[in-house]
N, C-alpha and C. Protein backbone atom coordinates (compact mmCIF):
# COMPACT_ATOMS: atom_id res chain seq x y z
N MET A 1 -25.54 -6.09 -5.68
CA MET A 1 -25.05 -5.07 -4.76
C MET A 1 -25.59 -3.72 -5.20
N THR A 2 -26.09 -2.94 -4.27
CA THR A 2 -26.65 -1.64 -4.61
C THR A 2 -25.59 -0.56 -4.47
N ARG A 3 -25.89 0.60 -4.99
CA ARG A 3 -24.96 1.73 -4.93
C ARG A 3 -24.73 2.22 -3.50
N ASN A 4 -25.72 2.04 -2.65
CA ASN A 4 -25.64 2.59 -1.30
C ASN A 4 -25.04 1.62 -0.29
N THR A 5 -24.54 0.49 -0.75
CA THR A 5 -23.95 -0.48 0.16
C THR A 5 -22.60 0.07 0.63
N PRO A 6 -22.41 0.20 1.94
CA PRO A 6 -21.13 0.73 2.42
C PRO A 6 -20.02 -0.27 2.17
N ARG A 7 -18.80 0.27 2.02
CA ARG A 7 -17.65 -0.61 1.86
C ARG A 7 -17.46 -1.39 3.14
N ALA A 8 -17.01 -2.62 3.00
CA ALA A 8 -16.87 -3.52 4.14
C ALA A 8 -15.86 -2.98 5.16
N ASN A 9 -14.69 -2.55 4.69
CA ASN A 9 -13.66 -2.06 5.60
C ASN A 9 -12.93 -0.88 4.96
N PRO A 10 -13.42 0.33 5.16
CA PRO A 10 -12.80 1.47 4.51
C PRO A 10 -11.41 1.78 5.04
N GLY A 11 -11.03 1.21 6.17
CA GLY A 11 -9.71 1.48 6.74
C GLY A 11 -9.68 2.81 7.46
N PRO A 12 -8.56 3.10 8.09
CA PRO A 12 -8.45 4.37 8.82
C PRO A 12 -8.57 5.56 7.87
N ARG A 13 -9.19 6.59 8.35
CA ARG A 13 -9.34 7.80 7.55
C ARG A 13 -8.51 8.92 8.16
N TYR A 14 -7.25 8.63 8.36
CA TYR A 14 -6.35 9.61 8.93
C TYR A 14 -5.66 10.39 7.82
N ILE A 15 -5.23 11.60 8.16
CA ILE A 15 -4.49 12.43 7.23
C ILE A 15 -3.56 13.32 8.05
N THR A 16 -2.40 13.62 7.51
CA THR A 16 -1.50 14.53 8.21
C THR A 16 -1.99 15.96 8.01
N LEU A 17 -1.49 16.86 8.82
CA LEU A 17 -1.86 18.26 8.69
C LEU A 17 -1.48 18.79 7.31
N GLU A 18 -0.29 18.39 6.84
CA GLU A 18 0.16 18.82 5.51
C GLU A 18 -0.77 18.28 4.42
N GLY A 19 -1.22 17.04 4.57
CA GLY A 19 -2.12 16.43 3.60
C GLY A 19 -3.46 17.15 3.56
N GLU A 20 -3.98 17.49 4.74
CA GLU A 20 -5.25 18.21 4.79
C GLU A 20 -5.11 19.58 4.13
N GLN A 21 -4.01 20.26 4.40
CA GLN A 21 -3.78 21.57 3.80
C GLN A 21 -3.69 21.48 2.27
N ALA A 22 -3.07 20.41 1.77
CA ALA A 22 -2.96 20.22 0.32
C ALA A 22 -4.34 19.99 -0.30
N LEU A 23 -5.19 19.19 0.37
CA LEU A 23 -6.54 18.96 -0.14
C LEU A 23 -7.35 20.25 -0.12
N ARG A 24 -7.23 21.02 0.95
CA ARG A 24 -7.95 22.30 1.03
C ARG A 24 -7.47 23.28 -0.03
N LYS A 25 -6.17 23.28 -0.29
CA LYS A 25 -5.60 24.15 -1.32
C LYS A 25 -6.14 23.76 -2.69
N GLU A 26 -6.19 22.46 -2.97
CA GLU A 26 -6.73 21.99 -4.25
C GLU A 26 -8.20 22.36 -4.38
N LEU A 27 -8.98 22.18 -3.31
CA LEU A 27 -10.39 22.52 -3.33
C LEU A 27 -10.58 24.01 -3.59
N HIS A 28 -9.81 24.83 -2.91
CA HIS A 28 -9.90 26.29 -3.10
C HIS A 28 -9.56 26.65 -4.55
N TYR A 29 -8.50 26.08 -5.09
CA TYR A 29 -8.09 26.37 -6.46
C TYR A 29 -9.20 25.98 -7.45
N LEU A 30 -9.74 24.79 -7.29
CA LEU A 30 -10.78 24.33 -8.22
C LEU A 30 -12.03 25.19 -8.14
N TRP A 31 -12.45 25.52 -6.92
CA TRP A 31 -13.72 26.22 -6.73
C TRP A 31 -13.62 27.72 -7.00
N LYS A 32 -12.53 28.34 -6.56
CA LYS A 32 -12.42 29.80 -6.66
C LYS A 32 -11.68 30.29 -7.91
N ILE A 33 -10.85 29.45 -8.50
CA ILE A 33 -10.04 29.91 -9.64
C ILE A 33 -10.40 29.15 -10.92
N LYS A 34 -10.23 27.84 -10.92
CA LYS A 34 -10.40 27.05 -12.14
C LYS A 34 -11.84 27.03 -12.63
N ARG A 35 -12.79 26.78 -11.72
CA ARG A 35 -14.19 26.70 -12.16
C ARG A 35 -14.69 28.00 -12.76
N PRO A 36 -14.43 29.17 -12.13
CA PRO A 36 -14.86 30.43 -12.77
C PRO A 36 -14.23 30.65 -14.15
N GLU A 37 -12.95 30.25 -14.31
CA GLU A 37 -12.30 30.38 -15.63
C GLU A 37 -13.01 29.53 -16.67
N VAL A 38 -13.28 28.27 -16.33
CA VAL A 38 -13.93 27.36 -17.28
C VAL A 38 -15.36 27.81 -17.54
N THR A 39 -16.06 28.28 -16.52
CA THR A 39 -17.43 28.77 -16.70
C THR A 39 -17.44 29.94 -17.68
N GLN A 40 -16.49 30.84 -17.55
CA GLN A 40 -16.41 31.99 -18.48
C GLN A 40 -16.12 31.50 -19.90
N ALA A 41 -15.24 30.52 -20.05
CA ALA A 41 -14.92 29.99 -21.38
C ALA A 41 -16.14 29.33 -22.00
N VAL A 42 -16.92 28.61 -21.20
CA VAL A 42 -18.15 27.97 -21.70
C VAL A 42 -19.16 29.04 -22.11
N ARG A 43 -19.27 30.08 -21.30
CA ARG A 43 -20.20 31.17 -21.61
C ARG A 43 -19.82 31.81 -22.96
N GLU A 44 -18.53 32.04 -23.17
CA GLU A 44 -18.07 32.66 -24.43
C GLU A 44 -18.29 31.71 -25.61
N ALA A 45 -18.04 30.41 -25.40
CA ALA A 45 -18.24 29.44 -26.46
C ALA A 45 -19.72 29.32 -26.81
N ALA A 46 -20.58 29.39 -25.81
CA ALA A 46 -22.03 29.29 -26.06
C ALA A 46 -22.53 30.49 -26.86
N ALA A 47 -21.88 31.63 -26.69
CA ALA A 47 -22.31 32.83 -27.40
C ALA A 47 -21.99 32.76 -28.90
N LEU A 48 -21.14 31.81 -29.28
CA LEU A 48 -20.74 31.70 -30.69
C LEU A 48 -21.81 31.05 -31.56
N GLY A 49 -22.82 30.46 -30.95
CA GLY A 49 -23.88 29.89 -31.77
C GLY A 49 -24.16 28.44 -31.48
N ASP A 50 -24.29 27.63 -32.52
CA ASP A 50 -24.70 26.23 -32.44
C ASP A 50 -23.84 25.45 -31.46
N ARG A 51 -24.43 25.03 -30.37
CA ARG A 51 -23.69 24.33 -29.32
C ARG A 51 -23.43 22.87 -29.65
N SER A 52 -24.24 22.28 -30.51
CA SER A 52 -24.10 20.85 -30.80
C SER A 52 -22.81 20.52 -31.54
N GLU A 53 -22.26 21.47 -32.28
CA GLU A 53 -21.04 21.23 -33.03
C GLU A 53 -19.90 22.14 -32.55
N ASN A 54 -20.07 22.73 -31.40
CA ASN A 54 -19.08 23.68 -30.87
C ASN A 54 -18.14 22.92 -29.93
N ALA A 55 -16.93 22.61 -30.40
CA ALA A 55 -15.98 21.80 -29.63
C ALA A 55 -15.58 22.48 -28.32
N GLU A 56 -15.39 23.79 -28.36
CA GLU A 56 -14.99 24.51 -27.14
C GLU A 56 -16.09 24.41 -26.07
N TYR A 57 -17.34 24.52 -26.51
CA TYR A 57 -18.47 24.43 -25.59
C TYR A 57 -18.55 23.02 -25.00
N ILE A 58 -18.47 22.02 -25.86
CA ILE A 58 -18.58 20.63 -25.41
C ILE A 58 -17.44 20.28 -24.45
N TYR A 59 -16.22 20.67 -24.81
CA TYR A 59 -15.06 20.39 -23.96
C TYR A 59 -15.18 21.15 -22.63
N GLY A 60 -15.63 22.40 -22.68
CA GLY A 60 -15.79 23.18 -21.45
C GLY A 60 -16.81 22.57 -20.51
N LYS A 61 -17.92 22.08 -21.05
CA LYS A 61 -18.93 21.43 -20.21
C LYS A 61 -18.36 20.16 -19.57
N LYS A 62 -17.56 19.42 -20.34
CA LYS A 62 -16.94 18.22 -19.80
C LYS A 62 -15.98 18.60 -18.67
N GLN A 63 -15.20 19.65 -18.86
CA GLN A 63 -14.29 20.12 -17.82
C GLN A 63 -15.06 20.51 -16.56
N LEU A 64 -16.18 21.20 -16.73
CA LEU A 64 -17.00 21.59 -15.57
C LEU A 64 -17.50 20.37 -14.80
N ARG A 65 -17.93 19.34 -15.51
CA ARG A 65 -18.39 18.12 -14.84
C ARG A 65 -17.25 17.49 -14.03
N GLU A 66 -16.04 17.45 -14.62
CA GLU A 66 -14.89 16.87 -13.93
C GLU A 66 -14.51 17.70 -12.70
N ILE A 67 -14.54 19.01 -12.84
CA ILE A 67 -14.23 19.89 -11.71
C ILE A 67 -15.26 19.69 -10.61
N ASP A 68 -16.53 19.68 -10.97
CA ASP A 68 -17.60 19.52 -9.98
C ASP A 68 -17.49 18.17 -9.27
N ARG A 69 -17.15 17.12 -10.03
CA ARG A 69 -16.98 15.80 -9.42
C ARG A 69 -15.84 15.83 -8.40
N ARG A 70 -14.73 16.43 -8.76
CA ARG A 70 -13.59 16.49 -7.84
C ARG A 70 -13.90 17.38 -6.63
N VAL A 71 -14.61 18.47 -6.83
CA VAL A 71 -15.00 19.35 -5.71
C VAL A 71 -15.89 18.59 -4.74
N ARG A 72 -16.86 17.83 -5.27
CA ARG A 72 -17.73 17.04 -4.39
C ARG A 72 -16.92 16.02 -3.61
N PHE A 73 -16.00 15.33 -4.29
CA PHE A 73 -15.17 14.35 -3.62
C PHE A 73 -14.33 14.99 -2.51
N LEU A 74 -13.66 16.09 -2.82
CA LEU A 74 -12.80 16.75 -1.83
C LEU A 74 -13.61 17.25 -0.64
N SER A 75 -14.76 17.84 -0.90
CA SER A 75 -15.60 18.36 0.19
C SER A 75 -16.02 17.23 1.12
N LYS A 76 -16.47 16.12 0.53
CA LYS A 76 -16.90 14.98 1.33
C LYS A 76 -15.71 14.38 2.08
N ARG A 77 -14.60 14.24 1.40
CA ARG A 77 -13.42 13.62 2.00
C ARG A 77 -12.91 14.45 3.18
N LEU A 78 -12.88 15.76 3.03
CA LEU A 78 -12.40 16.62 4.12
C LEU A 78 -13.31 16.53 5.35
N ASP A 79 -14.60 16.24 5.13
CA ASP A 79 -15.51 16.06 6.25
C ASP A 79 -15.28 14.72 6.95
N GLU A 80 -14.76 13.72 6.21
CA GLU A 80 -14.60 12.37 6.74
C GLU A 80 -13.29 12.12 7.46
N VAL A 81 -12.23 12.82 7.07
CA VAL A 81 -10.90 12.49 7.59
C VAL A 81 -10.66 13.07 8.98
N SER A 82 -9.76 12.41 9.69
CA SER A 82 -9.31 12.87 11.00
C SER A 82 -7.87 13.33 10.86
N VAL A 83 -7.63 14.58 11.16
CA VAL A 83 -6.28 15.14 11.03
C VAL A 83 -5.46 14.75 12.26
N VAL A 84 -4.30 14.14 12.00
CA VAL A 84 -3.37 13.78 13.06
C VAL A 84 -2.32 14.89 13.08
N ASP A 85 -2.45 15.78 14.05
CA ASP A 85 -1.58 16.95 14.08
C ASP A 85 -0.71 17.03 15.33
N ARG A 86 -0.54 15.90 16.00
CA ARG A 86 0.34 15.89 17.17
C ARG A 86 1.19 14.64 17.15
N LEU A 87 2.30 14.71 17.83
CA LEU A 87 3.22 13.58 17.87
C LEU A 87 2.74 12.57 18.92
N PRO A 88 3.02 11.28 18.71
CA PRO A 88 2.60 10.28 19.69
C PRO A 88 3.44 10.38 20.96
N GLU A 89 2.89 9.91 22.05
CA GLU A 89 3.61 9.91 23.32
C GLU A 89 4.86 9.03 23.25
N ASP A 90 4.71 7.84 22.68
CA ASP A 90 5.81 6.89 22.57
C ASP A 90 6.42 7.00 21.17
N GLN A 91 7.47 7.78 21.05
CA GLN A 91 8.09 7.99 19.75
C GLN A 91 9.13 6.92 19.42
N ASN A 92 9.20 5.87 20.24
CA ASN A 92 10.08 4.75 19.96
C ASN A 92 9.37 3.65 19.19
N ARG A 93 8.10 3.87 18.89
CA ARG A 93 7.31 2.91 18.12
C ARG A 93 6.81 3.59 16.86
N VAL A 94 6.45 2.77 15.88
CA VAL A 94 5.96 3.28 14.60
C VAL A 94 4.46 3.53 14.71
N PHE A 95 4.08 4.78 14.43
CA PHE A 95 2.67 5.15 14.38
C PHE A 95 2.45 6.00 13.15
N PHE A 96 1.22 6.41 12.93
CA PHE A 96 0.86 7.26 11.80
C PHE A 96 1.73 8.52 11.82
N GLY A 97 2.26 8.89 10.67
CA GLY A 97 3.07 10.09 10.54
C GLY A 97 4.56 9.86 10.73
N ALA A 98 4.95 8.66 11.14
CA ALA A 98 6.36 8.37 11.39
C ALA A 98 7.13 8.22 10.09
N TRP A 99 8.39 8.64 10.13
CA TRP A 99 9.35 8.30 9.09
C TRP A 99 10.04 7.03 9.57
N VAL A 100 9.98 5.99 8.75
CA VAL A 100 10.53 4.69 9.14
C VAL A 100 11.59 4.27 8.12
N ARG A 101 12.78 3.97 8.62
CA ARG A 101 13.84 3.44 7.75
C ARG A 101 13.87 1.94 7.95
N ILE A 102 13.84 1.22 6.84
CA ILE A 102 13.86 -0.24 6.90
C ILE A 102 15.01 -0.77 6.04
N GLU A 103 15.47 -1.94 6.43
CA GLU A 103 16.52 -2.61 5.67
C GLU A 103 15.99 -3.97 5.24
N GLY A 104 16.11 -4.25 3.94
CA GLY A 104 15.64 -5.51 3.39
C GLY A 104 16.64 -6.63 3.59
N GLU A 105 16.28 -7.81 3.15
CA GLU A 105 17.12 -8.99 3.31
C GLU A 105 18.45 -8.86 2.57
N GLU A 106 18.46 -8.10 1.47
CA GLU A 106 19.67 -7.92 0.68
C GLU A 106 20.51 -6.74 1.17
N GLY A 107 20.08 -6.08 2.24
CA GLY A 107 20.82 -4.95 2.78
C GLY A 107 20.42 -3.60 2.20
N ASP A 108 19.41 -3.58 1.34
CA ASP A 108 18.95 -2.33 0.76
C ASP A 108 18.09 -1.57 1.77
N GLU A 109 18.37 -0.26 1.90
CA GLU A 109 17.62 0.57 2.85
C GLU A 109 16.65 1.47 2.12
N GLN A 110 15.50 1.66 2.73
CA GLN A 110 14.48 2.56 2.21
C GLN A 110 13.88 3.31 3.40
N GLU A 111 13.38 4.51 3.12
CA GLU A 111 12.72 5.27 4.18
C GLU A 111 11.34 5.70 3.68
N TYR A 112 10.35 5.49 4.53
CA TYR A 112 8.97 5.84 4.20
C TYR A 112 8.35 6.64 5.34
N ARG A 113 7.43 7.51 4.98
CA ARG A 113 6.59 8.17 5.97
C ARG A 113 5.20 7.56 5.85
N ILE A 114 4.63 7.16 6.96
CA ILE A 114 3.31 6.55 6.95
C ILE A 114 2.27 7.68 6.99
N VAL A 115 1.49 7.77 5.91
CA VAL A 115 0.53 8.86 5.74
C VAL A 115 -0.84 8.30 5.37
N GLY A 116 -1.80 9.18 5.22
CA GLY A 116 -3.15 8.77 4.84
C GLY A 116 -3.24 8.35 3.39
N ALA A 117 -4.30 7.65 3.06
CA ALA A 117 -4.49 7.13 1.71
C ALA A 117 -4.58 8.24 0.67
N ASP A 118 -5.01 9.43 1.07
CA ASP A 118 -5.17 10.54 0.14
C ASP A 118 -3.86 11.23 -0.20
N GLU A 119 -2.79 10.92 0.52
CA GLU A 119 -1.55 11.66 0.33
C GLU A 119 -0.35 10.80 -0.01
N PHE A 120 -0.57 9.49 -0.26
CA PHE A 120 0.57 8.63 -0.54
C PHE A 120 1.23 9.03 -1.86
N ASP A 121 2.54 8.95 -1.88
CA ASP A 121 3.35 9.29 -3.05
C ASP A 121 4.69 8.61 -2.86
N LEU A 122 4.88 7.48 -3.52
CA LEU A 122 6.10 6.70 -3.31
C LEU A 122 7.35 7.44 -3.76
N GLU A 123 7.22 8.36 -4.72
CA GLU A 123 8.38 9.15 -5.14
C GLU A 123 8.90 10.02 -4.00
N LYS A 124 8.00 10.49 -3.14
CA LYS A 124 8.39 11.29 -1.97
C LYS A 124 8.68 10.40 -0.77
N GLY A 125 8.39 9.12 -0.89
CA GLY A 125 8.58 8.20 0.23
C GLY A 125 7.37 8.15 1.15
N TYR A 126 6.22 8.62 0.68
CA TYR A 126 4.99 8.60 1.47
C TYR A 126 4.24 7.30 1.20
N LEU A 127 4.06 6.51 2.23
CA LEU A 127 3.44 5.19 2.14
C LEU A 127 2.07 5.24 2.82
N SER A 128 1.04 4.78 2.13
CA SER A 128 -0.31 4.80 2.68
C SER A 128 -0.42 3.90 3.90
N ILE A 129 -1.14 4.36 4.90
CA ILE A 129 -1.39 3.59 6.11
C ILE A 129 -2.10 2.27 5.78
N ASN A 130 -2.78 2.22 4.64
CA ASN A 130 -3.51 1.02 4.23
C ASN A 130 -2.63 0.01 3.49
N ALA A 131 -1.40 0.39 3.15
CA ALA A 131 -0.51 -0.52 2.44
C ALA A 131 -0.08 -1.66 3.36
N PRO A 132 0.12 -2.85 2.81
CA PRO A 132 0.53 -3.99 3.64
C PRO A 132 1.81 -3.72 4.45
N LEU A 133 2.78 -3.06 3.86
CA LEU A 133 4.02 -2.76 4.58
C LEU A 133 3.74 -1.83 5.77
N ALA A 134 2.95 -0.80 5.56
CA ALA A 134 2.63 0.13 6.64
C ALA A 134 1.88 -0.56 7.76
N ARG A 135 0.91 -1.40 7.40
CA ARG A 135 0.14 -2.12 8.43
C ARG A 135 1.05 -3.04 9.24
N ALA A 136 2.05 -3.63 8.57
CA ALA A 136 2.98 -4.51 9.27
C ALA A 136 3.92 -3.73 10.19
N LEU A 137 4.24 -2.48 9.83
CA LEU A 137 5.19 -1.68 10.61
C LEU A 137 4.56 -1.02 11.83
N VAL A 138 3.29 -0.67 11.76
CA VAL A 138 2.64 0.09 12.83
C VAL A 138 2.70 -0.69 14.15
N GLY A 139 3.16 0.01 15.17
CA GLY A 139 3.25 -0.57 16.51
C GLY A 139 4.59 -1.21 16.81
N LYS A 140 5.43 -1.34 15.81
CA LYS A 140 6.73 -2.00 16.00
C LYS A 140 7.77 -1.02 16.54
N HIS A 141 8.87 -1.59 17.07
CA HIS A 141 9.97 -0.82 17.65
C HIS A 141 11.20 -0.86 16.75
N LEU A 142 12.18 -0.05 17.10
CA LEU A 142 13.47 -0.06 16.43
C LEU A 142 14.08 -1.46 16.54
N ASP A 143 14.69 -1.95 15.48
CA ASP A 143 15.35 -3.25 15.38
C ASP A 143 14.37 -4.43 15.33
N ASP A 144 13.07 -4.18 15.28
CA ASP A 144 12.11 -5.27 15.11
C ASP A 144 12.20 -5.80 13.69
N GLU A 145 12.05 -7.11 13.55
CA GLU A 145 12.00 -7.72 12.23
C GLU A 145 10.52 -7.90 11.87
N VAL A 146 10.18 -7.52 10.65
CA VAL A 146 8.79 -7.53 10.22
C VAL A 146 8.67 -8.37 8.95
N SER A 147 7.65 -9.22 8.90
CA SER A 147 7.36 -10.01 7.70
C SER A 147 6.22 -9.33 6.94
N VAL A 148 6.42 -9.19 5.64
CA VAL A 148 5.42 -8.54 4.80
C VAL A 148 5.14 -9.42 3.60
N ARG A 149 3.89 -9.63 3.31
CA ARG A 149 3.53 -10.41 2.13
C ARG A 149 3.47 -9.48 0.93
N THR A 150 4.23 -9.80 -0.10
CA THR A 150 4.28 -9.02 -1.32
C THR A 150 3.85 -9.92 -2.48
N PRO A 151 3.64 -9.35 -3.66
CA PRO A 151 3.30 -10.20 -4.81
C PRO A 151 4.39 -11.24 -5.12
N GLU A 152 5.63 -10.94 -4.76
CA GLU A 152 6.72 -11.88 -4.99
C GLU A 152 6.84 -12.92 -3.88
N GLY A 153 6.09 -12.78 -2.82
CA GLY A 153 6.15 -13.70 -1.68
C GLY A 153 6.44 -12.93 -0.40
N TRP A 154 6.77 -13.65 0.65
CA TRP A 154 7.04 -13.02 1.95
C TRP A 154 8.42 -12.38 1.94
N LYS A 155 8.50 -11.17 2.49
CA LYS A 155 9.78 -10.47 2.64
C LYS A 155 9.98 -10.12 4.10
N GLN A 156 11.23 -10.16 4.51
CA GLN A 156 11.60 -9.76 5.87
C GLN A 156 12.31 -8.41 5.79
N VAL A 157 11.91 -7.48 6.65
CA VAL A 157 12.60 -6.20 6.77
C VAL A 157 12.86 -5.93 8.24
N VAL A 158 13.91 -5.16 8.50
CA VAL A 158 14.26 -4.77 9.86
C VAL A 158 14.12 -3.26 9.96
N ILE A 159 13.51 -2.79 11.03
CA ILE A 159 13.36 -1.35 11.25
C ILE A 159 14.68 -0.81 11.78
N THR A 160 15.32 0.08 11.01
CA THR A 160 16.62 0.63 11.40
C THR A 160 16.52 2.08 11.87
N GLY A 161 15.36 2.69 11.72
CA GLY A 161 15.20 4.06 12.18
C GLY A 161 13.74 4.46 12.26
N ILE A 162 13.42 5.24 13.29
CA ILE A 162 12.07 5.79 13.46
C ILE A 162 12.25 7.24 13.87
N ARG A 163 11.58 8.12 13.15
CA ARG A 163 11.64 9.53 13.55
C ARG A 163 10.31 10.21 13.25
N TYR A 164 10.07 11.24 14.02
CA TYR A 164 8.86 12.04 13.83
C TYR A 164 9.31 13.48 13.65
N GLN A 165 8.51 14.26 12.94
CA GLN A 165 8.79 15.67 12.82
C GLN A 165 7.51 16.45 13.03
N MET A 166 7.69 17.62 13.58
CA MET A 166 6.54 18.50 13.80
C MET A 166 6.01 18.97 12.46
N ALA A 167 4.72 19.25 12.39
CA ALA A 167 4.13 19.80 11.18
C ALA A 167 4.78 21.15 10.91
N LEU A 168 4.84 21.53 9.64
CA LEU A 168 5.51 22.76 9.26
C LEU A 168 4.95 23.98 9.99
N ASN A 169 3.66 23.99 10.27
CA ASN A 169 3.04 25.13 10.95
C ASN A 169 3.37 25.19 12.43
N ASP A 170 3.86 24.07 13.01
CA ASP A 170 4.11 24.02 14.45
C ASP A 170 5.52 24.43 14.82
N LYS A 171 6.41 24.61 13.83
CA LYS A 171 7.81 24.91 14.14
C LYS A 171 8.00 26.32 14.59
């Protein structure tokens, strides 16, 4: 397999407006604030003399490589994603951006927001659109029973709530 072989199924490249803003904020911070700071530190470390044994210089160069790698990734990613910044017409079904409350077989309830792969965070309840649970929920209605394959086997969940909220900038 060569480096230029495209991935077979990259999945949807959707992102919420909040997710896009977070990526842009990170890109701005890295490019306009962090990189100039590290560049200045490397410049000062280089002025101290022998670079081959200068830990500050070596570490600073490594930091610059990591920053540049992340900047390239963010720039490319922001060009690839499609921002979903409006609510769906049918808000009685689960679509991208929905907050979905589900109840498991044991009666345990959980709530997730279906978001893009770049913004998932289970601690916040953000579930990637590419996750098996999210794929099983998309298109379903309130009170629908959904089967999801997990590492422990098949699980049944019931959708007990669906809600959408406007992006923070739209309120």
